[in-house]
PDB file of N, CA and C in Angstrom:
ATOM      1  N   UNK A   1      -8.003 -16.077 -43.052  1.00  0.00           N
ATOM      2  CA  UNK A   1      -9.174 -15.340 -42.457  1.00  0.00           C
ATOM      3  C   UNK A   1      -9.961 -16.445 -43.200  1.00  0.00           C
ATOM      4  N   UNK A   2     -11.250 -16.737 -41.805  1.00  0.00           N
ATOM      5  CA  UNK A   2     -12.286 -17.342 -41.789  1.00  0.00           C
ATOM      6  C   UNK A   2     -13.463 -17.080 -42.711  1.00  0.00           C
ATOM      7  N   UNK A   3     -14.173 -18.468 -42.698  1.00  0.00           N
ATOM      8  CA  UNK A   3     -15.800 -18.159 -43.019  1.00  0.00           C
ATOM      9  C   UNK A   3     -16.294 -17.446 -42.300  1.00  0.00           C
ATOM     10  N   UNK A   4     -17.340 -16.899 -41.987  1.00  0.00           N
ATOM     11  CA  UNK A   4     -18.183 -16.207 -40.919  1.00  0.00           C
ATOM     12  C   UNK A   4     -19.132 -16.651 -41.871  1.00  0.00           C
ATOM     13  N   UNK A   5     -19.513 -17.368 -43.359  1.00  0.00           N
ATOM     14  CA  UNK A   5     -20.880 -17.737 -43.608  1.00  0.00           C
ATOM     15  C   UNK A   5     -21.359 -18.830 -43.566  1.00  0.00           C
ATOM     16  N   UNK A   6     -22.291 -19.129 -42.642  1.00  0.00           N
ATOM     17  CA  UNK A   6     -22.941 -20.708 -42.410  1.00  0.00           C
ATOM     18  C   UNK A   6     -23.340 -21.000 -43.942  1.00  0.00           C
ATOM     19  N   UNK A   7     -23.077 -22.618 -43.771  1.00  0.00           N
ATOM     20  CA  UNK A   7     -23.226 -23.040 -44.765  1.00  0.00           C
ATOM     21  C   UNK A   7     -25.360 -23.295 -45.117  1.00  0.00           C
ATOM     22  N   UNK A   8     -25.685 -23.587 -46.389  1.00  0.00           N
ATOM     23  CA  UNK A   8     -26.871 -24.091 -46.157  1.00  0.00           C
ATOM     24  C   UNK A   8     -27.038 -24.818 -47.558  1.00  0.00           C
ATOM     25  N   UNK A   9     -27.846 -25.597 -47.900  1.00  0.00           N
ATOM     26  CA  UNK A   9     -28.305 -26.924 -48.323  1.00  0.00           C
ATOM     27  C   UNK A   9     -29.740 -26.021 -49.892  1.00  0.00           C
ATOM     28  N   UNK A  10     -29.325 -26.481 -50.872  1.00  0.00           N
ATOM     29  CA  UNK A  10     -30.978 -25.910 -51.546  1.00  0.00           C
ATOM     30  C   UNK A  10     -31.591 -26.902 -51.102  1.00  0.00           C
ATOM     31  N   UNK A  11     -31.781 -27.727 -50.558  1.00  0.00           N
ATOM     32  CA  UNK A  11     -33.210 -28.213 -49.784  1.00  0.00           C
ATOM     33  C   UNK A  11     -33.630 -27.967 -49.214  1.00  0.00           C
ATOM     34  N   UNK A  12     -33.000 -26.802 -48.156  1.00  0.00           N
ATOM     35  CA  UNK A  12     -33.255 -25.943 -47.284  1.00  0.00           C
ATOM     36  C   UNK A  12     -34.261 -24.763 -47.534  1.00  0.00           C
ATOM     37  N   UNK A  13     -33.207 -24.346 -48.736  1.00  0.00           N
ATOM     38  CA  UNK A  13     -34.209 -22.956 -49.271  1.00  0.00           C
ATOM     39  C   UNK A  13     -35.624 -23.157 -50.623  1.00  0.00           C
ATOM     40  N   UNK A  14     -35.255 -24.725 -51.277  1.00  0.00           N
ATOM     41  CA  UNK A  14     -36.718 -25.156 -51.288  1.00  0.00           C
ATOM     42  C   UNK A  14     -37.988 -25.044 -51.036  1.00  0.00           C
ATOM     43  N   UNK A  15     -38.874 -24.450 -51.483  1.00  0.00           N
ATOM     44  CA  UNK A  15     -40.097 -24.056 -51.015  1.00  0.00           C
ATOM     45  C   UNK A  15     -40.897 -25.497 -51.061  1.00  0.00           C
ATOM     46  N   UNK A  16     -40.441 -26.180 -51.923  1.00  0.00           N
ATOM     47  CA  UNK A  16     -41.770 -27.518 -51.752  1.00  0.00           C
ATOM     48  C   UNK A  16     -41.097 -28.505 -50.934  1.00  0.00           C
ATOM     49  N   UNK A  17     -41.690 -28.937 -50.039  1.00  0.00           N
ATOM     50  CA  UNK A  17     -42.553 -29.815 -49.225  1.00  0.00           C
ATOM     51  C   UNK A  17     -42.107 -31.463 -49.401  1.00  0.00           C
ATOM     52  N   UNK A  18     -43.425 -32.110 -50.778  1.00  0.00           N
ATOM     53  CA  UNK A  18     -43.287 -33.220 -50.800  1.00  0.00           C
ATOM     54  C   UNK A  18     -44.221 -33.117 -52.065  1.00  0.00           C
ATOM     55  N   UNK A  19     -44.541 -34.114 -52.992  1.00  0.00           N
ATOM     56  CA  UNK A  19     -45.277 -34.559 -54.476  1.00  0.00           C
ATOM     57  C   UNK A  19     -46.164 -35.998 -53.509  1.00  0.00           C
ATOM     58  N   UNK A  20     -47.668 -35.780 -53.112  1.00  0.00           N
ATOM     59  CA  UNK A  20     -47.911 -36.940 -53.099  1.00  0.00           C
ATOM     60  C   UNK A  20     -49.235 -36.753 -53.556  1.00  0.00           C
ATOM     61  N   UNK A  21     -49.588 -38.358 -54.199  1.00  0.00           N
ATOM     62  CA  UNK A  21     -51.144 -38.270 -54.782  1.00  0.00           C
ATOM     63  C   UNK A  21     -51.433 -37.020 -55.786  1.00  0.00           C
ATOM     64  N   UNK A  22     -50.539 -37.123 -56.594  1.00  0.00           N
ATOM     65  CA  UNK A  22     -50.447 -35.926 -58.108  1.00  0.00           C
ATOM     66  C   UNK A  22     -50.407 -34.303 -57.023  1.00  0.00           C
ATOM     67  N   UNK A  23     -50.485 -33.884 -55.954  1.00  0.00           N
ATOM     68  CA  UNK A  23     -50.348 -32.728 -55.798  1.00  0.00           C
ATOM     69  C   UNK A  23     -49.247 -31.697 -55.473  1.00  0.00           C
ATOM     70  N   UNK A  24     -48.870 -30.732 -54.925  1.00  0.00           N
ATOM     71  CA  UNK A  24     -47.685 -30.672 -54.782  1.00  0.00           C
ATOM     72  C   UNK A  24     -47.956 -29.574 -53.357  1.00  0.00           C
ATOM     73  N   UNK A  25     -47.123 -30.407 -52.867  1.00  0.00           N
ATOM     74  CA  UNK A  25     -47.300 -29.352 -50.950  1.00  0.00           C
ATOM     75  C   UNK A  25     -45.880 -28.669 -51.022  1.00  0.00           C
ATOM     76  N   UNK A  26     -46.405 -27.380 -50.456  1.00  0.00           N
ATOM     77  CA  UNK A  26     -45.366 -26.513 -50.207  1.00  0.00           C
ATOM     78  C   UNK A  26     -44.868 -26.670 -48.312  1.00  0.00           C
ATOM     79  N   UNK A  27     -43.542 -26.314 -48.330  1.00  0.00           N
ATOM     80  CA  UNK A  27     -43.495 -26.126 -46.994  1.00  0.00           C
ATOM     81  C   UNK A  27     -44.781 -24.924 -46.210  1.00  0.00           C
ATOM     82  N   UNK A  28     -45.126 -23.944 -46.806  1.00  0.00           N
ATOM     83  CA  UNK A  28     -46.260 -23.444 -46.526  1.00  0.00           C
ATOM     84  C   UNK A  28     -47.946 -23.864 -45.511  1.00  0.00           C
ATOM     85  N   UNK A  29     -48.033 -25.635 -46.332  1.00  0.00           N
ATOM     86  CA  UNK A  29     -48.713 -26.096 -46.413  1.00  0.00           C
ATOM     87  C   UNK A  29     -49.647 -25.604 -47.472  1.00  0.00           C
ATOM     88  N   UNK A  30     -48.983 -24.864 -48.546  1.00  0.00           N
ATOM     89  CA  UNK A  30     -50.038 -24.993 -49.899  1.00  0.00           C
ATOM     90  C   UNK A  30     -50.051 -25.849 -50.722  1.00  0.00           C
ATOM     91  N   UNK A  31     -51.076 -26.544 -51.520  1.00  0.00           N
ATOM     92  CA  UNK A  31     -51.523 -27.558 -51.846  1.00  0.00           C
ATOM     93  C   UNK A  31     -51.273 -26.930 -53.689  1.00  0.00           C
ATOM     94  N   UNK A  32     -50.671 -27.609 -54.524  1.00  0.00           N
ATOM     95  CA  UNK A  32     -51.373 -27.398 -56.250  1.00  0.00           C
ATOM     96  C   UNK A  32     -51.667 -28.522 -55.923  1.00  0.00           C
ATOM     97  N   UNK A  33     -52.343 -27.919 -57.367  1.00  0.00           N
ATOM     98  CA  UNK A  33     -52.961 -29.241 -58.400  1.00  0.00           C
ATOM     99  C   UNK A  33     -52.553 -28.756 -59.773  1.00  0.00           C
ATOM    100  N   UNK A  34     -52.509 -29.613 -60.441  1.00  0.00           N
ATOM    101  CA  UNK A  34     -52.053 -28.820 -62.060  1.00  0.00           C
ATOM    102  C   UNK A  34     -53.308 -30.246 -63.230  1.00  0.00           C
ATOM    103  N   UNK A  35     -54.200 -29.180 -63.650  1.00  0.00           N
ATOM    104  CA  UNK A  35     -55.137 -30.183 -64.356  1.00  0.00           C
ATOM    105  C   UNK A  35     -54.491 -29.392 -65.878  1.00  0.00           C
ATOM    106  N   UNK A  36     -54.513 -30.627 -67.068  1.00  0.00           N
ATOM    107  CA  UNK A  36     -53.977 -30.247 -68.427  1.00  0.00           C
ATOM    108  C   UNK A  36     -55.634 -30.488 -68.738  1.00  0.00           C
ATOM    109  N   UNK A  37     -55.589 -28.637 -69.632  1.00  0.00           N
ATOM    110  CA  UNK A  37     -56.906 -29.345 -70.372  1.00  0.00           C
ATOM    111  C   UNK A  37     -56.622 -28.822 -72.135  1.00  0.00           C
ATOM    112  N   UNK A  38     -57.049 -28.922 -72.858  1.00  0.00           N
ATOM    113  CA  UNK A  38     -56.939 -29.219 -74.361  1.00  0.00           C
ATOM    114  C   UNK A  38     -58.081 -28.648 -75.204  1.00  0.00           C
ATOM    115  N   UNK A  39     -57.886 -27.379 -75.552  1.00  0.00           N
ATOM    116  CA  UNK A  39     -58.320 -26.411 -75.908  1.00  0.00           C
ATOM    117  C   UNK A  39     -58.856 -26.923 -78.197  1.00  0.00           C
ATOM    118  N   UNK A  40     -60.118 -26.337 -78.885  1.00  0.00           N
ATOM    119  CA  UNK A  40     -60.270 -26.373 -80.032  1.00  0.00           C
ATOM    120  C   UNK A  40     -58.789 -25.527 -80.875  1.00  0.00           C
ATOM    121  N   UNK A  41     -58.520 -25.664 -81.571  1.00  0.00           N
ATOM    122  CA  UNK A  41     -57.624 -25.055 -82.720  1.00  0.00           C
ATOM    123  C   UNK A  41     -58.428 -23.406 -82.621  1.00  0.00           C
ATOM    124  N   UNK A  42     -58.073 -22.538 -82.732  1.00  0.00           N
ATOM    125  CA  UNK A  42     -58.672 -21.300 -82.483  1.00  0.00           C
ATOM    126  C   UNK A  42     -59.166 -21.226 -84.046  1.00  0.00           C
ATOM    127  N   UNK A  43     -60.488 -20.489 -84.130  1.00  0.00           N
ATOM    128  CA  UNK A  43     -60.997 -20.772 -85.008  1.00  0.00           C
ATOM    129  C   UNK A  43     -61.527 -21.759 -86.168  1.00  0.00           C
ATOM    130  N   UNK A  44     -62.303 -22.534 -84.782  1.00  0.00           N
ATOM    131  CA  UNK A  44     -62.298 -23.755 -85.435  1.00  0.00           C
ATOM    132  C   UNK A  44     -64.014 -24.304 -84.779  1.00  0.00           C
ATOM    133  N   UNK A  45     -64.257 -23.443 -83.907  1.00  0.00           N
ATOM    134  CA  UNK A  45     -65.468 -24.002 -83.222  1.00  0.00           C
ATOM    135  C   UNK A  45     -66.444 -23.048 -83.593  1.00  0.00           C
ATOM    136  N   UNK A  46     -67.972 -22.883 -83.527  1.00  0.00           N
ATOM    137  CA  UNK A  46     -69.083 -22.139 -84.145  1.00  0.00           C
ATOM    138  C   UNK A  46     -68.970 -21.257 -82.518  1.00  0.00           C
ATOM    139  N   UNK A  47     -70.085 -20.440 -83.210  1.00  0.00           N
ATOM    140  CA  UNK A  47     -70.333 -19.652 -81.358  1.00  0.00           C
ATOM    141  C   UNK A  47     -70.893 -20.247 -80.489  1.00  0.00           C
ATOM    142  N   UNK A  48     -71.775 -21.316 -80.733  1.00  0.00           N
ATOM    143  CA  UNK A  48     -72.522 -21.800 -80.026  1.00  0.00           C
ATOM    144  C   UNK A  48     -71.622 -22.662 -78.945  1.00  0.00           C
ATOM    145  N   UNK A  49     -70.550 -23.255 -79.388  1.00  0.00           N
ATOM    146  CA  UNK A  49     -69.272 -24.319 -79.207  1.00  0.00           C
ATOM    147  C   UNK A  49     -68.278 -23.529 -78.118  1.00  0.00           C
ATOM    148  N   UNK A  50     -68.475 -22.625 -78.571  1.00  0.00           N
ATOM    149  CA  UNK A  50     -67.552 -21.249 -77.558  1.00  0.00           C
ATOM    150  C   UNK A  50     -68.132 -20.835 -76.481  1.00  0.00           C
ATOM    151  N   UNK A  51     -69.796 -21.038 -76.745  1.00  0.00           N
ATOM    152  CA  UNK A  51     -70.204 -20.543 -75.223  1.00  0.00           C
ATOM    153  C   UNK A  51     -70.121 -21.792 -74.651  1.00  0.00           C
ATOM    154  N   UNK A  52     -70.490 -22.737 -74.779  1.00  0.00           N
ATOM    155  CA  UNK A  52     -70.662 -24.106 -74.210  1.00  0.00           C
ATOM    156  C   UNK A  52     -68.967 -23.836 -73.342  1.00  0.00           C
ATOM    157  N   UNK A  53     -67.864 -23.763 -74.214  1.00  0.00           N
ATOM    158  CA  UNK A  53     -66.349 -23.763 -73.519  1.00  0.00           C
ATOM    159  C   UNK A  53     -66.231 -22.484 -72.810  1.00  0.00           C
ATOM    160  N   UNK A  54     -66.943 -21.655 -72.742  1.00  0.00           N
ATOM    161  CA  UNK A  54     -66.437 -20.152 -71.408  1.00  0.00           C
ATOM    162  C   UNK A  54     -67.641 -20.923 -70.561  1.00  0.00           C
ATOM    163  N   UNK A  55     -68.789 -21.244 -70.980  1.00  0.00           N
ATOM    164  CA  UNK A  55     -69.781 -22.252 -69.353  1.00  0.00           C
ATOM    165  C   UNK A  55     -69.172 -22.804 -68.828  1.00  0.00           C
ATOM    166  N   UNK A  56     -68.490 -23.584 -68.988  1.00  0.00           N
ATOM    167  CA  UNK A  56     -67.501 -24.948 -68.645  1.00  0.00           C
ATOM    168  C   UNK A  56     -66.485 -24.104 -67.604  1.00  0.00           C
ATOM    169  N   UNK A  57     -65.898 -23.538 -68.244  1.00  0.00           N
ATOM    170  CA  UNK A  57     -64.802 -23.069 -67.464  1.00  0.00           C
ATOM    171  C   UNK A  57     -65.497 -22.213 -66.233  1.00  0.00           C
ATOM    172  N   UNK A  58     -66.594 -20.944 -66.747  1.00  0.00           N
ATOM    173  CA  UNK A  58     -66.878 -20.033 -65.657  1.00  0.00           C
ATOM    174  C   UNK A  58     -67.428 -21.373 -64.751  1.00  0.00           C
ATOM    175  N   UNK A  59     -68.033 -22.217 -64.474  1.00  0.00           N
ATOM    176  CA  UNK A  59     -68.821 -23.127 -64.053  1.00  0.00           C
ATOM    177  C   UNK A  59     -67.118 -23.810 -62.898  1.00  0.00           C
ATOM    178  N   UNK A  60     -66.576 -24.210 -63.968  1.00  0.00           N
ATOM    179  CA  UNK A  60     -65.126 -24.688 -63.075  1.00  0.00           C
ATOM    180  C   UNK A  60     -64.766 -23.949 -62.071  1.00  0.00           C
ATOM    181  N   UNK A  61     -64.546 -22.463 -62.280  1.00  0.00           N
ATOM    182  CA  UNK A  61     -63.736 -21.080 -61.377  1.00  0.00           C
ATOM    183  C   UNK A  61     -64.825 -21.736 -60.420  1.00  0.00           C
ATOM    184  N   UNK A  62     -66.232 -21.820 -60.408  1.00  0.00           N
ATOM    185  CA  UNK A  62     -66.746 -21.100 -59.002  1.00  0.00           C
ATOM    186  C   UNK A  62     -66.814 -22.586 -58.339  1.00  0.00           C
ATOM    187  N   UNK A  63     -66.497 -23.342 -58.162  1.00  0.00           N
ATOM    188  CA  UNK A  63     -66.649 -24.213 -57.157  1.00  0.00           C
ATOM    189  C   UNK A  63     -65.087 -24.742 -56.742  1.00  0.00           C
ATOM    190  N   UNK A  64     -64.223 -23.948 -56.706  1.00  0.00           N
ATOM    191  CA  UNK A  64     -62.735 -23.684 -56.495  1.00  0.00           C
ATOM    192  C   UNK A  64     -63.132 -22.644 -55.254  1.00  0.00           C
ATOM    193  N   UNK A  65     -62.242 -23.922 -54.115  1.00  0.00           N
ATOM    194  CA  UNK A  65     -62.413 -23.151 -52.744  1.00  0.00           C
ATOM    195  C   UNK A  65     -61.676 -21.170 -52.801  1.00  0.00           C
ATOM    196  N   UNK A  66     -62.389 -20.625 -51.804  1.00  0.00           N
ATOM    197  CA  UNK A  66     -61.538 -19.086 -51.745  1.00  0.00           C
ATOM    198  C   UNK A  66     -60.227 -19.307 -51.391  1.00  0.00           C
ATOM    199  N   UNK A  67     -59.755 -18.109 -51.631  1.00  0.00           N
ATOM    200  CA  UNK A  67     -58.280 -17.608 -51.741  1.00  0.00           C
ATOM    201  C   UNK A  67     -57.335 -18.586 -53.285  1.00  0.00           C
ATOM    202  N   UNK A  68     -58.148 -18.997 -54.028  1.00  0.00           N
ATOM    203  CA  UNK A  68     -57.477 -20.365 -54.966  1.00  0.00           C
ATOM    204  C   UNK A  68     -57.066 -19.348 -55.832  1.00  0.00           C
ATOM    205  N   UNK A  69     -55.947 -19.926 -56.381  1.00  0.00           N
ATOM    206  CA  UNK A  69     -55.193 -18.783 -58.010  1.00  0.00           C
ATOM    207  C   UNK A  69     -55.454 -19.705 -59.127  1.00  0.00           C
ATOM    208  N   UNK A  70     -55.516 -19.357 -59.886  1.00  0.00           N
ATOM    209  CA  UNK A  70     -55.862 -20.039 -61.725  1.00  0.00           C
ATOM    210  C   UNK A  70     -54.829 -19.230 -62.188  1.00  0.00           C
ATOM    211  N   UNK A  71     -54.124 -20.300 -63.296  1.00  0.00           N
ATOM    212  CA  UNK A  71     -52.962 -19.959 -64.142  1.00  0.00           C
ATOM    213  C   UNK A  71     -53.193 -20.435 -65.238  1.00  0.00           C
ATOM    214  N   UNK A  72     -53.825 -19.767 -66.414  1.00  0.00           N
ATOM    215  CA  UNK A  72     -54.203 -20.672 -67.913  1.00  0.00           C
ATOM    216  C   UNK A  72     -52.769 -19.648 -68.364  1.00  0.00           C
ATOM    217  N   UNK A  73     -52.531 -20.755 -69.263  1.00  0.00           N
ATOM    218  CA  UNK A  73     -51.637 -20.544 -69.577  1.00  0.00           C
ATOM    219  C   UNK A  73     -51.551 -21.311 -71.589  1.00  0.00           C
ATOM    220  N   UNK A  74     -51.483 -20.643 -72.087  1.00  0.00           N
ATOM    221  CA  UNK A  74     -51.604 -21.226 -73.721  1.00  0.00           C
ATOM    222  C   UNK A  74     -50.156 -21.340 -74.517  1.00  0.00           C
ATOM    223  N   UNK A  75     -50.079 -22.175 -75.150  1.00  0.00           N
ATOM    224  CA  UNK A  75     -48.867 -22.519 -75.798  1.00  0.00           C
ATOM    225  C   UNK A  75     -49.219 -22.189 -77.272  1.00  0.00           C
ATOM    226  N   UNK A  76     -48.423 -21.567 -77.754  1.00  0.00           N
ATOM    227  CA  UNK A  76     -48.776 -21.186 -79.371  1.00  0.00           C
ATOM    228  C   UNK A  76     -47.879 -22.257 -80.166  1.00  0.00           C
ATOM    229  N   UNK A  77     -47.690 -22.763 -80.771  1.00  0.00           N
ATOM    230  CA  UNK A  77     -46.662 -23.733 -81.410  1.00  0.00           C
ATOM    231  C   UNK A  77     -46.466 -22.665 -83.468  1.00  0.00           C
ATOM    232  N   UNK A  78     -45.772 -22.282 -83.574  1.00  0.00           N
ATOM    233  CA  UNK A  78     -45.144 -21.892 -84.888  1.00  0.00           C
ATOM    234  C   UNK A  78     -44.148 -22.918 -85.924  1.00  0.00           C
ATOM    235  N   UNK A  79     -45.187 -23.908 -86.412  1.00  0.00           N
ATOM    236  CA  UNK A  79     -44.273 -25.027 -87.350  1.00  0.00           C
ATOM    237  C   UNK A  79     -43.667 -23.990 -88.528  1.00  0.00           C
ATOM    238  N   UNK A  80     -42.434 -24.629 -88.537  1.00  0.00           N
ATOM    239  CA  UNK A  80     -42.221 -24.138 -90.049  1.00  0.00           C
ATOM    240  C   UNK A  80     -41.990 -24.984 -91.101  1.00  0.00           C
ATOM    241  N   UNK A  81     -42.703 -24.775 -91.811  1.00  0.00           N
ATOM    242  CA  UNK A  81     -42.761 -25.997 -92.760  1.00  0.00           C
ATOM    243  C   UNK A  81     -41.597 -25.667 -94.205  1.00  0.00           C
TER     244      UNK A  81
END
């Protein structure tokens, strides 16, 4: 019995084209840029400091071009002592 399925490689199915200048470029010409933001611990800032952080987020989001997607992911560590 002959194998009629065509062979393919993982690289041909993988959507990424290259990583250049710290950016990820997809085969569809989408560009991904990753930033790491360190926020203060929960309940450690005053209301004025919280408002300043919120204003900075709003200002950063407003300067993004149309059709930008923002994904914010919080990491929580529960260290067992």
